[in-house]
Amino acid sequence: MAAQPWEDRNRLIAIDIETTGRRIPRLEDIRKAPKGMRQPGVVIEIGCIEVVRDGANWVKGRTWESRVNPDAPIHPDSIKVHNIRPNDLKTAPRFPQIADELVAFIGDDLMVAHAYENEMDYLNYEFARGGRIGWGEQFFPEQRFICTKEMSHERFPGASGSLDALCDRLWLDRSDRFSHHGALLDADLTIDAFLKMAYGDIEPREAVFE
């Protein structure tokens, strides 16, 4: 069996992002935009949890989280999911104000995310929007991510790829998620799911809540 990317690591970062619910503009549209036009923000909340090796086990350590003012409207459907409203973000920092702190917390470690392409694309978009990289470039490439959705498809072929369904199959308590999603909460569930799939002896079962 091929070695897993986390086997030689002593620290991993689970990450989740809540957004405005608006799509990231296409690269061609960004490049066609009038000169000086500022692209809208997408990220409104980021949550991170570190896990570190403790002998043969992994244990949860520090957390980092921040809300983010996107200077953009939030789609009503997204508000129903995460319950974050525009008024909640009026005094929140903009992404460039928290970018260095976020990068420092992540360091050079791998990130664990569910459906990692979303987190990767949101982060790269915001770093480009803040002028840290060019449009279409990657601040965080895909090699920096471990995807629990991909792991779930390998473990439970044909099953739903949602985080809710995965938690149910792994017998993880997600009751706090019934009322609303949150970046730190979802990062916590993601790392629990990763550790169970990577190291636990888990028997598949049907999801109760799809």
C-alpha atoms as a PDB file:
ATOM      1  CA  MET A   1       0.000   0.000   0.000  1.00  0.00           C
ATOM      2  CA  ALA A   2       1.311   3.428  -0.940  1.00  0.00           C
ATOM      3  CA  ALA A   3       2.364   5.701   1.902  1.00  0.00           C
ATOM      4  CA  GLN A   4      -0.234   8.297   2.863  1.00  0.00           C
ATOM      5  CA  PRO A   5       0.789  11.968   2.655  1.00  0.00           C
ATOM      6  CA  TRP A   6       0.220  12.515   6.373  1.00  0.00           C
ATOM      7  CA  GLU A   7       2.312   9.599   7.584  1.00  0.00           C
ATOM      8  CA  ASP A   8       5.522  11.605   7.896  1.00  0.00           C
ATOM      9  CA  ARG A   9       3.763  14.648   9.349  1.00  0.00           C
ATOM     10  CA  ASN A  10       3.525  15.689  12.994  1.00  0.00           C
ATOM     11  CA  ARG A  11       0.882  18.384  12.547  1.00  0.00           C
ATOM     12  CA  LEU A  12      -2.189  18.777  10.346  1.00  0.00           C
ATOM     13  CA  ILE A  13      -4.694  21.619  10.016  1.00  0.00           C
ATOM     14  CA  ALA A  14      -8.406  21.029   9.513  1.00  0.00           C
ATOM     15  CA  ILE A  15      -9.966  23.993   7.716  1.00  0.00           C
ATOM     16  CA  ASP A  16     -13.467  25.034   6.738  1.00  0.00           C
ATOM     17  CA  ILE A  17     -14.792  28.190   5.130  1.00  0.00           C
ATOM     18  CA  GLU A  18     -18.234  29.781   5.056  1.00  0.00           C
ATOM     19  CA  THR A  19     -19.024  32.066   2.126  1.00  0.00           C
ATOM     20  CA  THR A  20     -21.455  34.605   0.747  1.00  0.00           C
ATOM     21  CA  GLY A  21     -22.935  31.860  -1.427  1.00  0.00           C
ATOM     22  CA  ARG A  22     -21.935  33.721  -4.572  1.00  0.00           C
ATOM     23  CA  ARG A  23     -19.806  32.014  -7.185  1.00  0.00           C
ATOM     24  CA  ILE A  24     -16.201  32.993  -7.642  1.00  0.00           C
ATOM     25  CA  PRO A  25     -15.984  35.041 -10.850  1.00  0.00           C
ATOM     26  CA  ARG A  26     -14.500  33.212 -13.812  1.00  0.00           C
ATOM     27  CA  LEU A  27     -10.921  34.086 -14.637  1.00  0.00           C
ATOM     28  CA  GLU A  28     -11.865  35.298 -18.114  1.00  0.00           C
ATOM     29  CA  ASP A  29     -14.509  37.597 -16.647  1.00  0.00           C
ATOM     30  CA  ILE A  30     -12.047  39.004 -14.133  1.00  0.00           C
ATOM     31  CA  ARG A  31      -9.579  39.768 -16.900  1.00  0.00           C
ATOM     32  CA  LYS A  32     -12.284  41.435 -18.998  1.00  0.00           C
ATOM     33  CA  ALA A  33     -13.461  43.625 -16.123  1.00  0.00           C
ATOM     34  CA  PRO A  34     -12.899  47.404 -16.370  1.00  0.00           C
ATOM     35  CA  LYS A  35      -9.541  48.529 -15.061  1.00  0.00           C
ATOM     36  CA  GLY A  36      -9.717  49.353 -11.369  1.00  0.00           C
ATOM     37  CA  MET A  37     -12.891  47.363 -10.772  1.00  0.00           C
ATOM     38  CA  ARG A  38     -12.673  45.578  -7.415  1.00  0.00           C
ATOM     39  CA  GLN A  39     -13.899  42.017  -7.400  1.00  0.00           C
ATOM     40  CA  PRO A  40     -16.374  41.079  -4.622  1.00  0.00           C
ATOM     41  CA  GLY A  41     -15.260  39.089  -1.615  1.00  0.00           C
ATOM     42  CA  VAL A  42     -16.543  35.563  -1.095  1.00  0.00           C
ATOM     43  CA  VAL A  43     -15.173  34.352   2.265  1.00  0.00           C
ATOM     44  CA  ILE A  44     -17.076  35.396   5.398  1.00  0.00           C
ATOM     45  CA  GLU A  45     -15.757  32.958   8.027  1.00  0.00           C
ATOM     46  CA  ILE A  46     -12.717  30.691   8.401  1.00  0.00           C
ATOM     47  CA  GLY A  47     -12.177  28.048  11.064  1.00  0.00           C
ATOM     48  CA  CYS A  48      -9.016  25.992  11.640  1.00  0.00           C
ATOM     49  CA  ILE A  49      -8.090  23.261  14.121  1.00  0.00           C
ATOM     50  CA  GLU A  50      -4.639  21.737  14.489  1.00  0.00           C
ATOM     51  CA  VAL A  51      -4.003  18.097  15.340  1.00  0.00           C
ATOM     52  CA  VAL A  52      -0.560  17.024  16.467  1.00  0.00           C
ATOM     53  CA  ARG A  53       1.047  13.636  16.990  1.00  0.00           C
ATOM     54  CA  ASP A  54       1.144  12.286  20.505  1.00  0.00           C
ATOM     55  CA  GLY A  55       3.056   9.049  20.222  1.00  0.00           C
ATOM     56  CA  ALA A  56       0.998   6.774  17.987  1.00  0.00           C
ATOM     57  CA  ASN A  57      -2.085   8.991  18.316  1.00  0.00           C
ATOM     58  CA  TRP A  58      -3.245  12.394  17.120  1.00  0.00           C
ATOM     59  CA  VAL A  59      -4.643  14.980  19.520  1.00  0.00           C
ATOM     60  CA  LYS A  60      -6.422  18.266  18.915  1.00  0.00           C
ATOM     61  CA  GLY A  61      -4.500  21.399  19.776  1.00  0.00           C
ATOM     62  CA  ARG A  62      -4.986  25.078  19.069  1.00  0.00           C
ATOM     63  CA  THR A  63      -7.812  26.586  17.066  1.00  0.00           C
ATOM     64  CA  TRP A  64      -7.979  29.704  14.918  1.00  0.00           C
ATOM     65  CA  GLU A  65     -11.084  31.376  13.565  1.00  0.00           C
ATOM     66  CA  SER A  66     -12.187  34.688  12.171  1.00  0.00           C
ATOM     67  CA  ARG A  67     -15.138  36.226  10.465  1.00  0.00           C
ATOM     68  CA  VAL A  68     -14.396  38.254   7.356  1.00  0.00           C
ATOM     69  CA  ASN A  69     -16.106  41.303   5.885  1.00  0.00           C
ATOM     70  CA  PRO A  70     -16.480  40.504   2.160  1.00  0.00           C
ATOM     71  CA  ASP A  71     -17.695  43.949   1.097  1.00  0.00           C
ATOM     72  CA  ALA A  72     -20.344  42.040  -0.833  1.00  0.00           C
ATOM     73  CA  PRO A  73     -23.922  40.849  -0.313  1.00  0.00           C
ATOM     74  CA  ILE A  74     -24.677  37.428   1.175  1.00  0.00           C
ATOM     75  CA  HIS A  75     -27.089  35.169  -0.671  1.00  0.00           C
ATOM     76  CA  PRO A  76     -30.268  34.501   1.370  1.00  0.00           C
ATOM     77  CA  ASP A  77     -29.901  30.741   0.880  1.00  0.00           C
ATOM     78  CA  SER A  78     -26.448  30.878   2.459  1.00  0.00           C
ATOM     79  CA  ILE A  79     -27.762  32.798   5.450  1.00  0.00           C
ATOM     80  CA  LYS A  80     -30.187  29.922   6.052  1.00  0.00           C
ATOM     81  CA  VAL A  81     -27.209  27.539   6.206  1.00  0.00           C
ATOM     82  CA  HIS A  82     -24.724  29.432   8.392  1.00  0.00           C
ATOM     83  CA  ASN A  83     -26.961  32.130   9.934  1.00  0.00           C
ATOM     84  CA  ILE A  84     -24.335  34.824   9.329  1.00  0.00           C
ATOM     85  CA  ARG A  85     -25.968  38.084   8.291  1.00  0.00           C
ATOM     86  CA  PRO A  86     -24.460  41.243   6.764  1.00  0.00           C
ATOM     87  CA  ASN A  87     -24.840  43.123  10.067  1.00  0.00           C
ATOM     88  CA  ASP A  88     -22.728  40.455  11.765  1.00  0.00           C
ATOM     89  CA  LEU A  89     -19.803  41.346   9.505  1.00  0.00           C
ATOM     90  CA  LYS A  90     -19.844  45.144   9.652  1.00  0.00           C
ATOM     91  CA  THR A  91     -16.946  45.315  12.100  1.00  0.00           C
ATOM     92  CA  ALA A  92     -15.201  42.128  10.930  1.00  0.00           C
ATOM     93  CA  PRO A  93     -11.746  42.491   9.333  1.00  0.00           C
ATOM     94  CA  ARG A  94     -11.251  42.267   5.584  1.00  0.00           C
ATOM     95  CA  PHE A  95      -9.368  39.237   4.288  1.00  0.00           C
ATOM     96  CA  PRO A  96      -6.025  41.061   3.811  1.00  0.00           C
ATOM     97  CA  GLN A  97      -6.132  42.021   7.486  1.00  0.00           C
ATOM     98  CA  ILE A  98      -6.227  38.402   8.658  1.00  0.00           C
ATOM     99  CA  ALA A  99      -4.221  36.788   5.843  1.00  0.00           C
ATOM    100  CA  ASP A 100      -0.837  36.848   7.602  1.00  0.00           C
ATOM    101  CA  GLU A 101      -2.314  35.454  10.817  1.00  0.00           C
ATOM    102  CA  LEU A 102      -4.008  32.658   8.871  1.00  0.00           C
ATOM    103  CA  VAL A 103      -0.827  31.768   6.982  1.00  0.00           C
ATOM    104  CA  ALA A 104       1.175  31.775  10.210  1.00  0.00           C
ATOM    105  CA  PHE A 105      -1.285  29.393  11.866  1.00  0.00           C
ATOM    106  CA  ILE A 106      -1.276  26.970   8.930  1.00  0.00           C
ATOM    107  CA  GLY A 107       2.489  27.133   8.485  1.00  0.00           C
ATOM    108  CA  ASP A 108       3.888  24.519   6.118  1.00  0.00           C
ATOM    109  CA  ASP A 109       1.465  21.823   7.208  1.00  0.00           C
ATOM    110  CA  LEU A 110      -1.073  19.900   5.184  1.00  0.00           C
ATOM    111  CA  MET A 111      -4.707  20.969   5.411  1.00  0.00           C
ATOM    112  CA  VAL A 112      -7.635  18.594   5.867  1.00  0.00           C
ATOM    113  CA  ALA A 113     -10.851  19.764   4.209  1.00  0.00           C
ATOM    114  CA  HIS A 114     -14.113  18.247   3.024  1.00  0.00           C
ATOM    115  CA  ALA A 115     -14.463  18.817  -0.732  1.00  0.00           C
ATOM    116  CA  TYR A 116     -11.079  20.533  -0.628  1.00  0.00           C
ATOM    117  CA  GLU A 117     -11.459  22.200  -4.035  1.00  0.00           C
ATOM    118  CA  ASN A 118     -13.849  24.700  -2.462  1.00  0.00           C
ATOM    119  CA  GLU A 119     -11.479  25.755   0.317  1.00  0.00           C
ATOM    120  CA  MET A 120      -8.551  25.858  -2.100  1.00  0.00           C
ATOM    121  CA  ASP A 121     -10.412  27.986  -4.656  1.00  0.00           C
ATOM    122  CA  TYR A 122     -11.850  30.372  -2.041  1.00  0.00           C
ATOM    123  CA  LEU A 123      -8.438  30.959  -0.453  1.00  0.00           C
ATOM    124  CA  ASN A 124      -6.612  31.398  -3.745  1.00  0.00           C
ATOM    125  CA  TYR A 125      -9.287  33.824  -4.932  1.00  0.00           C
ATOM    126  CA  GLU A 126      -9.049  35.925  -1.775  1.00  0.00           C
ATOM    127  CA  PHE A 127      -5.241  35.989  -1.876  1.00  0.00           C
ATOM    128  CA  ALA A 128      -5.417  37.136  -5.511  1.00  0.00           C
ATOM    129  CA  ARG A 129      -8.083  39.682  -4.644  1.00  0.00           C
ATOM    130  CA  GLY A 130      -5.764  41.038  -1.952  1.00  0.00           C
ATOM    131  CA  GLY A 131      -2.837  41.289  -4.376  1.00  0.00           C
ATOM    132  CA  ARG A 132      -0.736  38.527  -2.799  1.00  0.00           C
ATOM    133  CA  ILE A 133      -0.760  36.460  -6.007  1.00  0.00           C
ATOM    134  CA  GLY A 134      -1.897  37.022  -9.567  1.00  0.00           C
ATOM    135  CA  TRP A 135      -5.340  36.019 -10.817  1.00  0.00           C
ATOM    136  CA  GLY A 136      -5.302  32.346 -11.702  1.00  0.00           C
ATOM    137  CA  GLU A 137      -2.255  31.626  -9.530  1.00  0.00           C
ATOM    138  CA  GLN A 138      -2.227  29.375  -6.465  1.00  0.00           C
ATOM    139  CA  PHE A 139      -1.202  30.458  -2.997  1.00  0.00           C
ATOM    140  CA  PHE A 140      -2.229  27.020  -1.733  1.00  0.00           C
ATOM    141  CA  PRO A 141      -1.871  24.263  -4.384  1.00  0.00           C
ATOM    142  CA  GLU A 142      -3.848  21.027  -4.260  1.00  0.00           C
ATOM    143  CA  GLN A 143      -0.806  19.150  -2.904  1.00  0.00           C
ATOM    144  CA  ARG A 144      -1.357  20.969   0.404  1.00  0.00           C
ATOM    145  CA  PHE A 145      -4.751  19.325   0.974  1.00  0.00           C
ATOM    146  CA  ILE A 146      -6.125  16.035   2.260  1.00  0.00           C
ATOM    147  CA  CYS A 147      -9.741  15.591   1.176  1.00  0.00           C
ATOM    148  CA  THR A 148     -12.185  13.760   3.445  1.00  0.00           C
ATOM    149  CA  LYS A 149     -14.765  13.678   0.662  1.00  0.00           C
ATOM    150  CA  GLU A 150     -12.367  11.715  -1.547  1.00  0.00           C
ATOM    151  CA  MET A 151     -11.541   9.449   1.403  1.00  0.00           C
ATOM    152  CA  SER A 152     -15.263   8.847   1.996  1.00  0.00           C
ATOM    153  CA  HIS A 153     -15.796   7.812  -1.626  1.00  0.00           C
ATOM    154  CA  GLU A 154     -13.036   5.239  -1.259  1.00  0.00           C
ATOM    155  CA  ARG A 155     -14.436   3.934   2.029  1.00  0.00           C
ATOM    156  CA  PHE A 156     -18.135   4.085   1.144  1.00  0.00           C
ATOM    157  CA  PRO A 157     -18.425   3.668  -2.661  1.00  0.00           C
ATOM    158  CA  GLY A 158     -21.634   5.104  -4.061  1.00  0.00           C
ATOM    159  CA  ALA A 159     -22.605   6.862  -0.830  1.00  0.00           C
ATOM    160  CA  SER A 160     -23.458  10.535  -0.539  1.00  0.00           C
ATOM    161  CA  GLY A 161     -20.392  12.751  -0.372  1.00  0.00           C
ATOM    162  CA  SER A 162     -21.870  15.283   2.038  1.00  0.00           C
ATOM    163  CA  LEU A 163     -20.244  15.955   5.386  1.00  0.00           C
ATOM    164  CA  ASP A 164     -23.553  15.233   7.139  1.00  0.00           C
ATOM    165  CA  ALA A 165     -23.865  11.792   5.553  1.00  0.00           C
ATOM    166  CA  LEU A 166     -20.223  10.993   6.297  1.00  0.00           C
ATOM    167  CA  CYS A 167     -20.618  11.935   9.975  1.00  0.00           C
ATOM    168  CA  ASP A 168     -23.674   9.687  10.243  1.00  0.00           C
ATOM    169  CA  ARG A 169     -21.867   6.735   8.706  1.00  0.00           C
ATOM    170  CA  LEU A 170     -18.958   7.232  11.081  1.00  0.00           C
ATOM    171  CA  TRP A 171     -21.246   7.668  14.112  1.00  0.00           C
ATOM    172  CA  LEU A 172     -20.037  11.210  14.733  1.00  0.00           C
ATOM    173  CA  ASP A 173     -22.327  13.526  16.677  1.00  0.00           C
ATOM    174  CA  ARG A 174     -23.257  16.410  14.398  1.00  0.00           C
ATOM    175  CA  SER A 175     -26.255  17.639  16.396  1.00  0.00           C
ATOM    176  CA  ASP A 176     -24.676  21.092  16.801  1.00  0.00           C
ATOM    177  CA  ARG A 177     -24.935  21.385  13.027  1.00  0.00           C
ATOM    178  CA  PHE A 178     -28.723  20.966  12.999  1.00  0.00           C
ATOM    179  CA  SER A 179     -29.376  24.673  13.608  1.00  0.00           C
ATOM    180  CA  HIS A 180     -26.581  26.128  11.474  1.00  0.00           C
ATOM    181  CA  HIS A 181     -23.197  25.425   9.959  1.00  0.00           C
ATOM    182  CA  GLY A 182     -20.078  27.152  11.241  1.00  0.00           C
ATOM    183  CA  ALA A 183     -16.503  27.119   9.991  1.00  0.00           C
ATOM    184  CA  LEU A 184     -14.900  25.969  13.251  1.00  0.00           C
ATOM    185  CA  LEU A 185     -17.658  23.419  13.920  1.00  0.00           C
ATOM    186  CA  ASP A 186     -17.322  21.965  10.433  1.00  0.00           C
ATOM    187  CA  ALA A 187     -13.526  21.890  10.688  1.00  0.00           C
ATOM    188  CA  ASP A 188     -13.901  19.959  13.945  1.00  0.00           C
ATOM    189  CA  LEU A 189     -16.230  17.402  12.343  1.00  0.00           C
ATOM    190  CA  THR A 190     -13.929  17.146   9.336  1.00  0.00           C
ATOM    191  CA  ILE A 191     -10.885  16.278  11.424  1.00  0.00           C
ATOM    192  CA  ASP A 192     -12.914  13.764  13.452  1.00  0.00           C
ATOM    193  CA  ALA A 193     -14.038  12.119  10.216  1.00  0.00           C
ATOM    194  CA  PHE A 194     -10.471  12.074   8.887  1.00  0.00           C
ATOM    195  CA  LEU A 195      -9.057  10.446  12.021  1.00  0.00           C
ATOM    196  CA  LYS A 196     -11.767   7.782  12.054  1.00  0.00           C
ATOM    197  CA  MET A 197     -11.275   6.927   8.388  1.00  0.00           C
ATOM    198  CA  ALA A 198      -7.493   7.000   8.594  1.00  0.00           C
ATOM    199  CA  TYR A 199      -7.068   5.154  11.888  1.00  0.00           C
ATOM    200  CA  GLY A 200     -10.398   3.853  13.193  1.00  0.00           C
ATOM    201  CA  ASP A 201     -11.994   0.466  12.596  1.00  0.00           C
ATOM    202  CA  ILE A 202     -15.287   1.805  11.265  1.00  0.00           C
ATOM    203  CA  GLU A 203     -18.084  -0.314   9.848  1.00  0.00           C
ATOM    204  CA  PRO A 204     -20.199   1.342   7.108  1.00  0.00           C
ATOM    205  CA  ARG A 205     -23.823   2.090   7.927  1.00  0.00           C
ATOM    206  CA  GLU A 206     -26.605   3.952   6.232  1.00  0.00           C
ATOM    207  CA  ALA A 207     -26.936   7.648   6.964  1.00  0.00           C
ATOM    208  CA  VAL A 208     -29.911   8.577   9.107  1.00  0.00           C
ATOM    209  CA  PHE A 209     -29.966  12.211   8.005  1.00  0.00           C
ATOM    210  CA  GLU A 210     -29.315  12.834   4.308  1.00  0.00           C
END
